[in-house]
Amino acid sequence: MEEKIKVTWSFSALEMLAEVHEYMSEKSEQAADDYIDGIFKTTLKLEKKSIQNLVHPAEIKK
């Protein structure tokens, strides 16, 4: 059975995202919402991946 990735957000990470959202929303509430939504959607995509399918950053060729 493939081992799946589980992302667990720490309280401090969520606080930081809230601060980013607050800062960005001073210019555009919609842009702030979209940015934070994008982070969470990317996290969900990551959780669908198998650990065996990940590539270590050092192995990525430029």
PDB file of N, CA and C in Angstrom:
ATOM      1  N   MET A   1       0.848  -1.184   0.000  1.00  0.00           N
ATOM      2  CA  MET A   1       0.000   0.000   0.000  1.00  0.00           C
ATOM      3  C   MET A   1       0.895   1.250   0.000  1.00  0.00           C
ATOM      4  N   GLU A   2       0.561   2.186  -0.869  1.00  0.00           N
ATOM      5  CA  GLU A   2       1.353   3.415  -0.962  1.00  0.00           C
ATOM      6  C   GLU A   2       1.102   4.308   0.244  1.00  0.00           C
ATOM      7  N   GLU A   3       2.175   4.869   0.743  1.00  0.00           N
ATOM      8  CA  GLU A   3       2.059   5.801   1.854  1.00  0.00           C
ATOM      9  C   GLU A   3       1.777   7.195   1.295  1.00  0.00           C
ATOM     10  N   LYS A   4       0.699   7.795   1.766  1.00  0.00           N
ATOM     11  CA  LYS A   4       0.297   9.120   1.302  1.00  0.00           C
ATOM     12  C   LYS A   4       0.905  10.204   2.191  1.00  0.00           C
ATOM     13  N   ILE A   5       0.993  11.375   1.633  1.00  0.00           N
ATOM     14  CA  ILE A   5       1.509  12.526   2.354  1.00  0.00           C
ATOM     15  C   ILE A   5       0.381  13.118   3.197  1.00  0.00           C
ATOM     16  N   LYS A   6       0.689  13.485   4.419  1.00  0.00           N
ATOM     17  CA  LYS A   6      -0.266  14.168   5.278  1.00  0.00           C
ATOM     18  C   LYS A   6       0.344  15.495   5.704  1.00  0.00           C
ATOM     19  N   VAL A   7      -0.313  16.579   5.344  1.00  0.00           N
ATOM     20  CA  VAL A   7       0.157  17.908   5.713  1.00  0.00           C
ATOM     21  C   VAL A   7      -0.618  18.345   6.957  1.00  0.00           C
ATOM     22  N   THR A   8       0.112  18.710   7.978  1.00  0.00           N
ATOM     23  CA  THR A   8      -0.500  19.204   9.205  1.00  0.00           C
ATOM     24  C   THR A   8      -0.046  20.641   9.415  1.00  0.00           C
ATOM     25  N   TRP A   9      -1.001  21.540   9.426  1.00  0.00           N
ATOM     26  CA  TRP A   9      -0.704  22.957   9.614  1.00  0.00           C
ATOM     27  C   TRP A   9      -0.538  23.229  11.101  1.00  0.00           C
ATOM     28  N   SER A  10       0.573  23.819  11.479  1.00  0.00           N
ATOM     29  CA  SER A  10       0.771  24.223  12.871  1.00  0.00           C
ATOM     30  C   SER A  10      -0.053  25.484  13.131  1.00  0.00           C
ATOM     31  N   PHE A  11      -0.308  25.724  14.401  1.00  0.00           N
ATOM     32  CA  PHE A  11      -1.057  26.918  14.773  1.00  0.00           C
ATOM     33  C   PHE A  11      -0.330  28.172  14.314  1.00  0.00           C
ATOM     34  N   SER A  12       0.998  28.185  14.498  1.00  0.00           N
ATOM     35  CA  SER A  12       1.759  29.385  14.109  1.00  0.00           C
ATOM     36  C   SER A  12       1.742  29.591  12.593  1.00  0.00           C
ATOM     37  N   ALA A  13       1.741  28.502  11.822  1.00  0.00           N
ATOM     38  CA  ALA A  13       1.665  28.634  10.363  1.00  0.00           C
ATOM     39  C   ALA A  13       0.320  29.232   9.952  1.00  0.00           C
ATOM     40  N   LEU A  14      -0.751  28.783  10.596  1.00  0.00           N
ATOM     41  CA  LEU A  14      -2.074  29.335  10.295  1.00  0.00           C
ATOM     42  C   LEU A  14      -2.175  30.800  10.709  1.00  0.00           C
ATOM     43  N   GLU A  15      -1.535  31.145  11.823  1.00  0.00           N
ATOM     44  CA  GLU A  15      -1.497  32.549  12.235  1.00  0.00           C
ATOM     45  C   GLU A  15      -0.770  33.397  11.196  1.00  0.00           C
ATOM     46  N   MET A  16       0.338  32.867  10.663  1.00  0.00           N
ATOM     47  CA  MET A  16       1.090  33.595   9.645  1.00  0.00           C
ATOM     48  C   MET A  16       0.263  33.787   8.380  1.00  0.00           C
ATOM     49  N   LEU A  17      -0.474  32.749   7.990  1.00  0.00           N
ATOM     50  CA  LEU A  17      -1.340  32.884   6.818  1.00  0.00           C
ATOM     51  C   LEU A  17      -2.411  33.948   7.061  1.00  0.00           C
ATOM     52  N   ALA A  18      -2.932  33.991   8.274  1.00  0.00           N
ATOM     53  CA  ALA A  18      -3.934  35.011   8.606  1.00  0.00           C
ATOM     54  C   ALA A  18      -3.321  36.410   8.514  1.00  0.00           C
ATOM     55  N   GLU A  19      -2.069  36.538   8.953  1.00  0.00           N
ATOM     56  CA  GLU A  19      -1.391  37.833   8.864  1.00  0.00           C
ATOM     57  C   GLU A  19      -1.141  38.233   7.411  1.00  0.00           C
ATOM     58  N   VAL A  20      -0.755  37.262   6.595  1.00  0.00           N
ATOM     59  CA  VAL A  20      -0.550  37.531   5.170  1.00  0.00           C
ATOM     60  C   VAL A  20      -1.867  37.982   4.550  1.00  0.00           C
ATOM     61  N   HIS A  21      -2.935  37.280   4.891  1.00  0.00           N
ATOM     62  CA  HIS A  21      -4.252  37.627   4.351  1.00  0.00           C
ATOM     63  C   HIS A  21      -4.647  39.039   4.774  1.00  0.00           C
ATOM     64  N   GLU A  22      -4.438  39.347   6.033  1.00  0.00           N
ATOM     65  CA  GLU A  22      -4.786  40.679   6.536  1.00  0.00           C
ATOM     66  C   GLU A  22      -4.001  41.765   5.797  1.00  0.00           C
ATOM     67  N   TYR A  23      -2.709  41.542   5.618  1.00  0.00           N
ATOM     68  CA  TYR A  23      -1.867  42.518   4.910  1.00  0.00           C
ATOM     69  C   TYR A  23      -2.318  42.691   3.461  1.00  0.00           C
ATOM     70  N   MET A  24      -2.519  41.573   2.767  1.00  0.00           N
ATOM     71  CA  MET A  24      -2.906  41.643   1.356  1.00  0.00           C
ATOM     72  C   MET A  24      -4.291  42.255   1.171  1.00  0.00           C
ATOM     73  N   SER A  25      -5.184  41.991   2.122  1.00  0.00           N
ATOM     74  CA  SER A  25      -6.559  42.467   1.969  1.00  0.00           C
ATOM     75  C   SER A  25      -6.668  43.987   2.095  1.00  0.00           C
ATOM     76  N   GLU A  26      -5.599  44.639   2.591  1.00  0.00           N
ATOM     77  CA  GLU A  26      -5.604  46.104   2.620  1.00  0.00           C
ATOM     78  C   GLU A  26      -5.659  46.666   1.205  1.00  0.00           C
ATOM     79  N   LYS A  27      -5.088  45.938   0.262  1.00  0.00           N
ATOM     80  CA  LYS A  27      -5.116  46.352  -1.151  1.00  0.00           C
ATOM     81  C   LYS A  27      -6.287  45.724  -1.900  1.00  0.00           C
ATOM     82  N   SER A  28      -6.495  44.405  -1.644  1.00  0.00           N
ATOM     83  CA  SER A  28      -7.554  43.698  -2.363  1.00  0.00           C
ATOM     84  C   SER A  28      -7.988  42.460  -1.577  1.00  0.00           C
ATOM     85  N   GLU A  29      -9.210  42.507  -1.092  1.00  0.00           N
ATOM     86  CA  GLU A  29      -9.773  41.363  -0.352  1.00  0.00           C
ATOM     87  C   GLU A  29      -9.819  40.124  -1.237  1.00  0.00           C
ATOM     88  N   GLN A  30     -10.209  40.322  -2.493  1.00  0.00           N
ATOM     89  CA  GLN A  30     -10.321  39.185  -3.410  1.00  0.00           C
ATOM     90  C   GLN A  30      -8.952  38.562  -3.685  1.00  0.00           C
ATOM     91  N   ALA A  31      -7.940  39.383  -3.894  1.00  0.00           N
ATOM     92  CA  ALA A  31      -6.596  38.864  -4.140  1.00  0.00           C
ATOM     93  C   ALA A  31      -6.082  38.106  -2.921  1.00  0.00           C
ATOM     94  N   ALA A  32      -6.360  38.622  -1.729  1.00  0.00           N
ATOM     95  CA  ALA A  32      -5.944  37.940  -0.502  1.00  0.00           C
ATOM     96  C   ALA A  32      -6.634  36.583  -0.384  1.00  0.00           C
ATOM     97  N   ASP A  33      -7.950  36.563  -0.643  1.00  0.00           N
ATOM     98  CA  ASP A  33      -8.696  35.303  -0.602  1.00  0.00           C
ATOM     99  C   ASP A  33      -8.146  34.301  -1.603  1.00  0.00           C
ATOM    100  N   ASP A  34      -7.914  34.753  -2.825  1.00  0.00           N
ATOM    101  CA  ASP A  34      -7.411  33.873  -3.878  1.00  0.00           C
ATOM    102  C   ASP A  34      -6.035  33.309  -3.534  1.00  0.00           C
ATOM    103  N   TYR A  35      -5.178  34.142  -2.970  1.00  0.00           N
ATOM    104  CA  TYR A  35      -3.821  33.721  -2.616  1.00  0.00           C
ATOM    105  C   TYR A  35      -3.851  32.618  -1.549  1.00  0.00           C
ATOM    106  N   ILE A  36      -4.621  32.842  -0.497  1.00  0.00           N
ATOM    107  CA  ILE A  36      -4.710  31.858   0.585  1.00  0.00           C
ATOM    108  C   ILE A  36      -5.401  30.590   0.084  1.00  0.00           C
ATOM    109  N   ASP A  37      -6.455  30.742  -0.715  1.00  0.00           N
ATOM    110  CA  ASP A  37      -7.116  29.566  -1.301  1.00  0.00           C
ATOM    111  C   ASP A  37      -6.133  28.756  -2.136  1.00  0.00           C
ATOM    112  N   GLY A  38      -5.280  29.441  -2.881  1.00  0.00           N
ATOM    113  CA  GLY A  38      -4.288  28.751  -3.706  1.00  0.00           C
ATOM    114  C   GLY A  38      -3.319  27.937  -2.863  1.00  0.00           C
ATOM    115  N   ILE A  39      -2.924  28.479  -1.731  1.00  0.00           N
ATOM    116  CA  ILE A  39      -2.025  27.739  -0.836  1.00  0.00           C
ATOM    117  C   ILE A  39      -2.708  26.473  -0.336  1.00  0.00           C
ATOM    118  N   PHE A  40      -3.954  26.588   0.089  1.00  0.00           N
ATOM    119  CA  PHE A  40      -4.660  25.405   0.591  1.00  0.00           C
ATOM    120  C   PHE A  40      -4.951  24.394  -0.521  1.00  0.00           C
ATOM    121  N   LYS A  41      -5.269  24.866  -1.714  1.00  0.00           N
ATOM    122  CA  LYS A  41      -5.508  23.941  -2.834  1.00  0.00           C
ATOM    123  C   LYS A  41      -4.228  23.195  -3.198  1.00  0.00           C
ATOM    124  N   THR A  42      -3.092  23.880  -3.151  1.00  0.00           N
ATOM    125  CA  THR A  42      -1.814  23.229  -3.436  1.00  0.00           C
ATOM    126  C   THR A  42      -1.519  22.179  -2.374  1.00  0.00           C
ATOM    127  N   THR A  43      -1.848  22.488  -1.123  1.00  0.00           N
ATOM    128  CA  THR A  43      -1.664  21.519  -0.039  1.00  0.00           C
ATOM    129  C   THR A  43      -2.508  20.277  -0.290  1.00  0.00           C
ATOM    130  N   LEU A  44      -3.744  20.457  -0.716  1.00  0.00           N
ATOM    131  CA  LEU A  44      -4.608  19.310  -0.997  1.00  0.00           C
ATOM    132  C   LEU A  44      -4.053  18.470  -2.144  1.00  0.00           C
ATOM    133  N   LYS A  45      -3.498  19.117  -3.168  1.00  0.00           N
ATOM    134  CA  LYS A  45      -2.875  18.379  -4.270  1.00  0.00           C
ATOM    135  C   LYS A  45      -1.697  17.554  -3.766  1.00  0.00           C
ATOM    136  N   LEU A  46      -0.909  18.148  -2.886  1.00  0.00           N
ATOM    137  CA  LEU A  46       0.238  17.454  -2.325  1.00  0.00           C
ATOM    138  C   LEU A  46      -0.202  16.220  -1.548  1.00  0.00           C
ATOM    139  N   GLU A  47      -1.302  16.331  -0.804  1.00  0.00           N
ATOM    140  CA  GLU A  47      -1.781  15.207  -0.011  1.00  0.00           C
ATOM    141  C   GLU A  47      -2.270  14.051  -0.878  1.00  0.00           C
ATOM    142  N   LYS A  48      -2.575  14.301  -2.128  1.00  0.00           N
ATOM    143  CA  LYS A  48      -3.014  13.236  -3.021  1.00  0.00           C
ATOM    144  C   LYS A  48      -1.835  12.449  -3.598  1.00  0.00           C
ATOM    145  N   LYS A  49      -0.627  12.964  -3.389  1.00  0.00           N
ATOM    146  CA  LYS A  49       0.570  12.324  -3.930  1.00  0.00           C
ATOM    147  C   LYS A  49       1.040  11.204  -3.011  1.00  0.00           C
ATOM    148  N   SER A  50       1.759  10.293  -3.586  1.00  0.00           N
ATOM    149  CA  SER A  50       2.390   9.228  -2.831  1.00  0.00           C
ATOM    150  C   SER A  50       3.799   9.669  -2.474  1.00  0.00           C
ATOM    151  N   ILE A  51       4.245   9.311  -1.298  1.00  0.00           N
ATOM    152  CA  ILE A  51       5.601   9.658  -0.876  1.00  0.00           C
ATOM    153  C   ILE A  51       6.626   9.091  -1.851  1.00  0.00           C
ATOM    154  N   GLN A  52       6.359   7.912  -2.403  1.00  0.00           N
ATOM    155  CA  GLN A  52       7.291   7.276  -3.329  1.00  0.00           C
ATOM    156  C   GLN A  52       7.452   8.070  -4.621  1.00  0.00           C
ATOM    157  N   ASN A  53       6.491   8.905  -4.965  1.00  0.00           N
ATOM    158  CA  ASN A  53       6.530   9.663  -6.208  1.00  0.00           C
ATOM    159  C   ASN A  53       7.193  11.027  -6.075  1.00  0.00           C
ATOM    160  N   LEU A  54       7.606  11.381  -4.867  1.00  0.00           N
ATOM    161  CA  LEU A  54       8.230  12.679  -4.663  1.00  0.00           C
ATOM    162  C   LEU A  54       9.691  12.646  -5.080  1.00  0.00           C
ATOM    163  N   VAL A  55      10.170  13.779  -5.523  1.00  0.00           N
ATOM    164  CA  VAL A  55      11.569  13.927  -5.911  1.00  0.00           C
ATOM    165  C   VAL A  55      12.220  14.890  -4.933  1.00  0.00           C
ATOM    166  N   HIS A  56      13.381  14.520  -4.431  1.00  0.00           N
ATOM    167  CA  HIS A  56      14.108  15.406  -3.526  1.00  0.00           C
ATOM    168  C   HIS A  56      14.568  16.625  -4.317  1.00  0.00           C
ATOM    169  N   PRO A  57      14.453  17.826  -3.742  1.00  0.00           N
ATOM    170  CA  PRO A  57      14.849  19.041  -4.464  1.00  0.00           C
ATOM    171  C   PRO A  57      16.272  18.984  -5.029  1.00  0.00           C
ATOM    172  N   ALA A  58      17.168  18.299  -4.360  1.00  0.00           N
ATOM    173  CA  ALA A  58      18.549  18.204  -4.827  1.00  0.00           C
ATOM    174  C   ALA A  58      18.654  17.401  -6.132  1.00  0.00           C
ATOM    175  N   GLU A  59      17.640  16.583  -6.400  1.00  0.00           N
ATOM    176  CA  GLU A  59      17.661  15.755  -7.609  1.00  0.00           C
ATOM    177  C   GLU A  59      17.080  16.458  -8.827  1.00  0.00           C
ATOM    178  N   ILE A  60      16.493  17.631  -8.639  1.00  0.00           N
ATOM    179  CA  ILE A  60      15.891  18.373  -9.751  1.00  0.00           C
ATOM    180  C   ILE A  60      16.995  19.068 -10.527  1.00  0.00           C
ATOM    181  N   LYS A  61      17.021  18.803 -11.812  1.00  0.00           N
ATOM    182  CA  LYS A  61      18.048  19.429 -12.673  1.00  0.00           C
ATOM    183  C   LYS A  61      17.476  20.682 -13.282  1.00  0.00           C
ATOM    184  N   LYS A  62      18.294  21.716 -13.288  1.00  0.00           N
ATOM    185  CA  LYS A  62      17.841  23.001 -13.853  1.00  0.00           C
ATOM    186  C   LYS A  62      18.122  23.071 -15.322  1.00  0.00           C
TER     187      LYS A  62
END
